[in-house]
Protein backbone atom coordinates (compact mmCIF):
# COMPACT_ATOMS: atom_id res chain seq x y z
CA UNK A 1 0.00 0.00 0.00
CA UNK A 2 1.42 3.35 -1.03
CA UNK A 3 2.37 5.86 1.64
CA UNK A 4 0.01 8.79 1.79
CA UNK A 5 1.35 12.20 2.85
CA UNK A 6 -1.09 13.43 5.46
CA UNK A 7 0.90 16.56 6.39
CA UNK A 8 -1.33 19.60 6.51
CA UNK A 9 0.22 22.57 4.80
CA UNK A 10 -0.19 25.73 6.90
CA UNK A 11 0.31 29.06 5.19
CA UNK A 12 3.36 30.64 6.87
CA UNK A 13 2.22 34.21 6.36
CA UNK A 14 -1.04 33.60 8.18
CA UNK A 15 0.74 32.69 11.48
CA UNK A 16 3.63 35.15 11.24
CA UNK A 17 4.30 37.29 14.34
CA UNK A 18 6.42 39.88 12.57
CA UNK A 19 3.54 42.32 12.51
CA UNK A 20 3.01 42.13 16.27
CA UNK A 21 4.32 44.91 18.51
CA UNK A 22 5.97 44.37 21.91
CA UNK A 23 3.74 45.78 24.62
CA UNK A 24 5.69 46.41 27.85
CA UNK A 25 4.05 45.16 30.99
CA UNK A 26 2.65 47.86 33.20
CA UNK A 27 3.73 47.41 36.80
CA UNK A 28 0.95 49.26 38.56
CA UNK A 29 1.95 47.85 41.95
CA UNK A 30 5.48 49.23 41.65
CA UNK A 31 4.21 52.68 40.69
CA UNK A 32 1.79 52.65 43.61
CA UNK A 33 4.50 51.58 46.07
CA UNK A 34 6.93 54.22 44.74
CA UNK A 35 4.24 56.91 45.01
CA UNK A 36 3.47 55.97 48.61
CA UNK A 37 7.17 56.00 49.54
CA UNK A 38 7.68 59.44 47.94
CA UNK A 39 4.58 60.74 49.71
CA UNK A 40 5.86 59.42 53.05
CA UNK A 41 9.27 61.07 52.50
CA UNK A 42 7.63 64.37 51.61
CA UNK A 43 5.50 64.25 54.77
CA UNK A 44 8.55 63.45 56.92
CA UNK A 45 10.56 66.32 55.41
CA UNK A 46 7.58 68.65 55.85
CA UNK A 47 7.21 67.58 59.49
CA UNK A 48 10.88 68.34 60.21
CA UNK A 49 10.68 71.65 58.33
CA UNK A 50 7.53 72.81 60.15
CA UNK A 51 8.29 71.19 63.50
CA UNK A 52 9.56 73.03 66.54
CA UNK A 53 13.21 72.49 65.68
CA UNK A 54 15.58 75.43 66.01
CA UNK A 55 17.95 74.71 63.14
CA UNK A 56 20.29 77.58 64.12
CA UNK A 57 20.80 75.72 67.42
CA UNK A 58 21.78 72.59 65.45
CA UNK A 59 24.40 74.63 63.59
CA UNK A 60 25.55 76.27 66.83
CA UNK A 61 26.18 73.01 68.70
CA UNK A 62 27.50 71.03 65.71
CA UNK A 63 31.07 72.06 66.57
CA UNK A 64 30.56 72.74 70.27
CA UNK A 65 33.52 71.62 72.46
CA UNK A 66 31.37 69.12 74.38
CA UNK A 67 30.15 67.49 71.15
CA UNK A 68 33.63 67.37 69.59
CA UNK A 69 35.03 65.90 72.81
CA UNK A 70 32.36 63.21 72.74
CA UNK A 71 33.08 62.55 69.06
CA UNK A 72 36.78 62.06 69.83
CA UNK A 73 35.93 59.66 72.67
CA UNK A 74 33.64 57.70 70.34
CA UNK A 75 36.37 57.37 67.69
CA UNK A 76 39.04 56.53 70.28
CA UNK A 77 36.88 53.84 71.87
CA UNK A 78 36.03 52.39 68.45
CA UNK A 79 39.73 52.06 67.58
CA UNK A 80 40.75 50.61 70.95
CA UNK A 81 37.82 48.19 71.25
CA UNK A 82 38.23 46.95 67.67
CA UNK A 83 41.97 46.47 68.17
CA UNK A 84 41.29 44.38 71.29
CA UNK A 85 38.47 42.52 69.51
CA UNK A 86 40.64 41.70 66.48
CA UNK A 87 43.49 40.48 68.67
CA UNK A 88 41.19 38.27 70.74
CA UNK A 89 39.35 37.11 67.60
CA UNK A 90 42.54 35.86 65.94
CA UNK A 91 43.77 34.21 69.15
CA UNK A 92 40.52 32.40 69.89
CA UNK A 93 39.98 31.45 66.24
CA UNK A 94 43.37 29.69 66.32
CA UNK A 95 42.53 28.14 69.69
CA UNK A 96 39.18 26.74 68.53
CA UNK A 97 40.90 25.07 65.56
CA UNK A 98 43.69 23.69 67.76
CA UNK A 99 44.00 19.90 68.26
CA UNK A 100 44.55 20.62 71.98
CA UNK A 101 41.14 19.93 73.63
CA UNK A 102 41.77 22.35 76.52
CA UNK A 103 42.45 25.28 74.21
CA UNK A 104 39.55 24.30 71.96
CA UNK A 105 36.91 24.10 74.69
CA UNK A 106 38.11 27.27 76.43
CA UNK A 107 37.61 29.07 73.10
CA UNK A 108 34.20 27.45 72.63
CA UNK A 109 33.11 28.62 76.10
CA UNK A 110 34.41 32.15 75.50
CA UNK A 111 32.50 32.49 72.22
CA UNK A 112 29.36 30.90 73.71
CA UNK A 113 29.30 33.13 76.78
CA UNK A 114 30.07 36.51 75.24
CA UNK A 115 27.82 35.97 72.23
CA UNK A 116 25.02 34.67 74.43
CA UNK A 117 24.76 37.53 76.93
CA UNK A 118 23.63 41.11 76.15
CA UNK A 119 26.31 43.73 75.67
CA UNK A 120 24.66 46.06 78.18
CA UNK A 121 24.79 43.32 80.81
CA UNK A 122 28.50 42.77 80.14
CA UNK A 123 29.22 46.51 80.49
CA UNK A 124 27.41 46.60 83.83
CA UNK A 125 29.30 43.51 85.04
CA UNK A 126 32.66 45.04 84.23
CA UNK A 127 31.71 48.40 85.73
CA UNK A 128 30.59 46.74 88.97
CA UNK A 129 33.45 44.21 89.13
CA UNK A 130 34.55 45.69 92.48
CA UNK A 131 31.53 44.05 94.12
CA UNK A 132 33.14 40.64 93.42
CA UNK A 133 36.86 41.52 93.44
CA UNK A 134 37.51 44.47 95.79
CA UNK A 135 41.20 44.45 94.85
CA UNK A 136 43.16 43.23 91.83
CA UNK A 137 46.82 42.21 91.65
CA UNK A 138 49.24 39.86 93.37
CA UNK A 139 48.79 39.82 97.18
CA UNK A 140 51.87 41.14 98.94
CA UNK A 141 53.47 42.30 95.68
CA UNK A 142 51.09 44.64 93.86
CA UNK A 143 47.48 45.40 94.65
CA UNK A 144 45.06 48.16 93.73
CA UNK A 145 41.42 48.83 94.36
CA UNK A 146 39.20 47.58 91.57
CA UNK A 147 36.98 50.64 91.81
CA UNK A 148 39.97 52.83 90.92
CA UNK A 149 40.95 50.64 87.96
CA UNK A 150 37.49 50.02 86.52
CA UNK A 151 36.79 53.53 85.24
CA UNK A 152 34.03 54.10 82.66
CA UNK A 153 36.71 54.05 79.93
CA UNK A 154 38.25 50.76 81.09
CA UNK A 155 34.87 49.09 81.65
CA UNK A 156 33.71 50.18 78.18
CA UNK A 157 36.95 48.99 76.56
CA UNK A 158 36.74 45.56 78.19
CA UNK A 159 33.02 45.21 77.57
CA UNK A 160 33.09 46.21 73.90
CA UNK A 161 36.47 44.65 73.05
CA UNK A 162 35.89 41.25 74.65
CA UNK A 163 32.36 41.06 73.26
CA UNK A 164 33.68 41.94 69.80
CA UNK A 165 36.39 39.29 70.07
CA UNK A 166 33.76 36.54 70.32
CA UNK A 167 32.18 37.61 67.02
CA UNK A 168 35.50 38.27 65.29
CA UNK A 169 36.75 34.78 66.24
CA UNK A 170 34.02 33.22 64.11
CA UNK A 171 34.77 35.59 61.21
CA UNK A 172 38.50 34.76 61.34
CA UNK A 173 37.77 31.04 61.60
CA UNK A 174 35.61 31.23 58.47
CA UNK A 175 38.39 33.10 56.67
CA UNK A 176 40.98 30.48 57.65
CA UNK A 177 38.71 27.65 56.49
CA UNK A 178 38.32 29.37 53.10
CA UNK A 179 42.03 28.90 52.29
CA UNK A 180 42.76 25.94 50.02
CA UNK A 181 43.94 22.99 52.08
CA UNK A 182 46.52 22.10 49.42
CA UNK A 183 48.50 25.23 50.22
CA UNK A 184 48.52 24.36 53.90
CA UNK A 185 49.81 20.87 53.11
CA UNK A 186 52.49 22.33 50.83
CA UNK A 187 53.61 24.70 53.61
CA UNK A 188 53.91 21.74 56.00
CA UNK A 189 55.96 19.80 53.46
CA UNK A 190 58.57 22.56 53.16
CA UNK A 191 58.89 22.67 56.96
CA UNK A 192 56.96 25.84 57.90
CA UNK A 193 55.96 26.14 61.52
CA UNK A 194 52.28 26.66 62.34
CA UNK A 195 52.87 30.31 63.29
CA UNK A 196 54.84 31.04 60.11
CA UNK A 197 52.19 29.29 58.04
CA UNK A 198 49.49 31.47 59.58
CA UNK A 199 51.48 34.66 59.06
CA UNK A 200 52.77 34.00 55.53
CA UNK A 201 50.20 31.72 53.89
CA UNK A 202 46.83 31.52 55.63
CA UNK A 203 46.01 34.97 57.03
CA UNK A 204 47.03 37.00 53.92
CA UNK A 205 44.66 34.90 51.79
CA UNK A 206 41.94 34.80 54.45
CA UNK A 207 41.85 38.61 54.57
CA UNK A 208 39.74 38.70 51.41
CA UNK A 209 37.00 36.86 53.33
CA UNK A 210 37.64 38.56 56.68
CA UNK A 211 37.67 42.22 55.59
CA UNK A 212 33.96 42.69 54.59
CA UNK A 213 32.39 41.39 57.85
CA UNK A 214 35.07 43.03 60.01
CA UNK A 215 34.41 46.32 58.18
CA UNK A 216 30.75 45.97 59.08
CA UNK A 217 31.72 45.27 62.69
CA UNK A 218 33.80 48.47 62.82
CA UNK A 219 30.81 50.47 61.61
CA UNK A 220 28.62 48.74 64.19
CA UNK A 221 31.19 49.48 66.90
CA UNK A 222 30.88 53.22 66.26
CA UNK A 223 27.19 52.99 67.11
CA UNK A 224 27.62 50.47 69.95
CA UNK A 225 29.73 52.97 71.90
CA UNK A 226 26.48 54.81 72.61
CA UNK A 227 25.47 51.92 74.90
CA UNK A 228 28.34 52.91 77.21
CA UNK A 229 26.48 56.11 78.12
CA UNK A 230 24.66 54.08 80.81
CA UNK A 231 27.93 53.65 82.77
CA UNK A 232 28.99 57.26 82.33
CA UNK A 233 31.44 57.03 79.43
CA UNK A 234 31.54 60.47 77.80
CA UNK A 235 30.93 59.52 74.17
CA UNK A 236 29.05 61.79 71.79
CA UNK A 237 25.51 60.76 72.78
CA UNK A 238 26.30 61.05 76.51
CA UNK A 239 27.68 64.55 76.02
CA UNK A 240 24.71 65.55 73.86
CA UNK A 241 22.40 64.38 76.64
CA UNK A 242 24.33 66.44 79.19
CA UNK A 243 23.90 69.52 77.01
CA UNK A 244 20.19 69.10 76.37
CA UNK A 245 19.53 68.42 80.05
CA UNK A 246 20.84 71.97 80.58
CA UNK A 247 19.25 73.85 77.67
CA UNK A 248 16.20 71.64 76.96
CA UNK A 249 17.04 71.46 73.22
CA UNK A 250 16.50 67.72 73.03
CA UNK A 251 15.73 67.22 69.34
CA UNK A 252 18.41 69.65 68.19
CA UNK A 253 21.17 67.86 70.10
CA UNK A 254 19.96 64.45 68.95
CA UNK A 255 20.08 65.67 65.33
CA UNK A 256 23.65 66.88 65.88
CA UNK A 257 24.62 63.44 67.20
CA UNK A 258 22.91 61.68 64.30
CA UNK A 259 24.74 63.83 61.73
CA UNK A 260 28.13 63.12 63.30
CA UNK A 261 27.39 59.37 63.43
CA UNK A 262 26.48 59.47 59.73
CA UNK A 263 29.68 61.37 58.87
CA UNK A 264 31.91 58.86 60.69
CA UNK A 265 30.06 55.83 59.27
CA UNK A 266 30.27 57.25 55.73
CA UNK A 267 34.05 57.73 56.01
CA UNK A 268 34.49 54.21 57.38
CA UNK A 269 32.30 52.76 54.61
CA UNK A 270 34.52 54.39 51.97
CA UNK A 271 37.62 53.00 53.69
CA UNK A 272 36.06 49.53 53.82
CA UNK A 273 35.28 49.70 50.08
CA UNK A 274 38.89 50.67 49.26
CA UNK A 275 40.26 47.85 51.44
CA UNK A 276 38.01 45.29 49.76
CA UNK A 277 39.19 46.46 46.32
CA UNK A 278 42.82 46.25 47.43
CA UNK A 279 42.56 42.66 48.68
CA UNK A 280 40.47 41.64 45.65
CA UNK A 281 43.23 42.94 43.34
CA UNK A 282 45.92 41.23 45.41
CA UNK A 283 44.02 37.95 45.22
CA UNK A 284 43.62 38.37 41.45
CA UNK A 285 47.35 38.96 41.01
CA UNK A 286 48.19 35.87 43.09
CA UNK A 287 45.82 33.71 41.06
CA UNK A 288 47.23 35.04 37.78
CA UNK A 289 50.76 34.35 39.00
CA UNK A 290 49.87 30.79 40.00
CA UNK A 291 48.19 30.19 36.64
CA UNK A 292 51.24 31.50 34.77
CA UNK A 293 53.54 29.29 36.86
CA UNK A 294 51.39 26.21 36.26
CA UNK A 295 51.33 26.94 32.51
CA UNK A 296 55.09 27.35 32.41
CA UNK A 297 55.64 24.08 34.26
CA UNK A 298 53.22 22.31 31.90
CA UNK A 299 55.12 23.59 28.89
């Protein structure tokens, strides 16, 4: 029996889509949301413009000695607390990865305790340490009253720095784990000690992973210093409060503090961005160098 062609011939021109026009989708929900946001911003700006805020007072106290002194104390505490936190973070990150069980579990307890209790509670504990230890030192050799040592500055430094160290330890540990294990094995083969390996091989490569979260922690630290106002540390918010208790210009002084916080955070954000670019370029150069070396050896 002969094969019969049952294919139906469809005129191509009849089903052509060349004559159709692209009709962009109208996102009415997006336009509505954007309109509501703009309306809310306009109302907020209008409220601040028409509110009982003496803007000349904001300009007057923006560079007042008390505010600038508090700003300096905020920056100083941020630097000192972050330096202590970074040091403790590196130490305890190495300890938690140590094969020594004592070092490992001491680090685990440290991270668990200081991440698990509120920062304000830790500041109050340090500030009131004299209730538990009236004196500190070596009996018969050197002793001093704890109340004299545990000033608002020292209590804030210990509270912020030790608390930060618990978070930084996890960041550093993640950075160390991101380094290729083959490089660590190669460093062991050529006889590098563990400390030299950390300094020359592991930490320089881990910085690319460590820098972004640590940069965020620095920015957070600037704002966390305001918590220390409860124990009398004279940072910018504490000094602003002292001023508005005297002149009753509450909102004006709070606006001054907010502007200075934004200025400092903006500068730190730019520095963080530049650091990230630097370490990204360094990592790219190292990878290009390794690729060139591997290609040369293959040839």
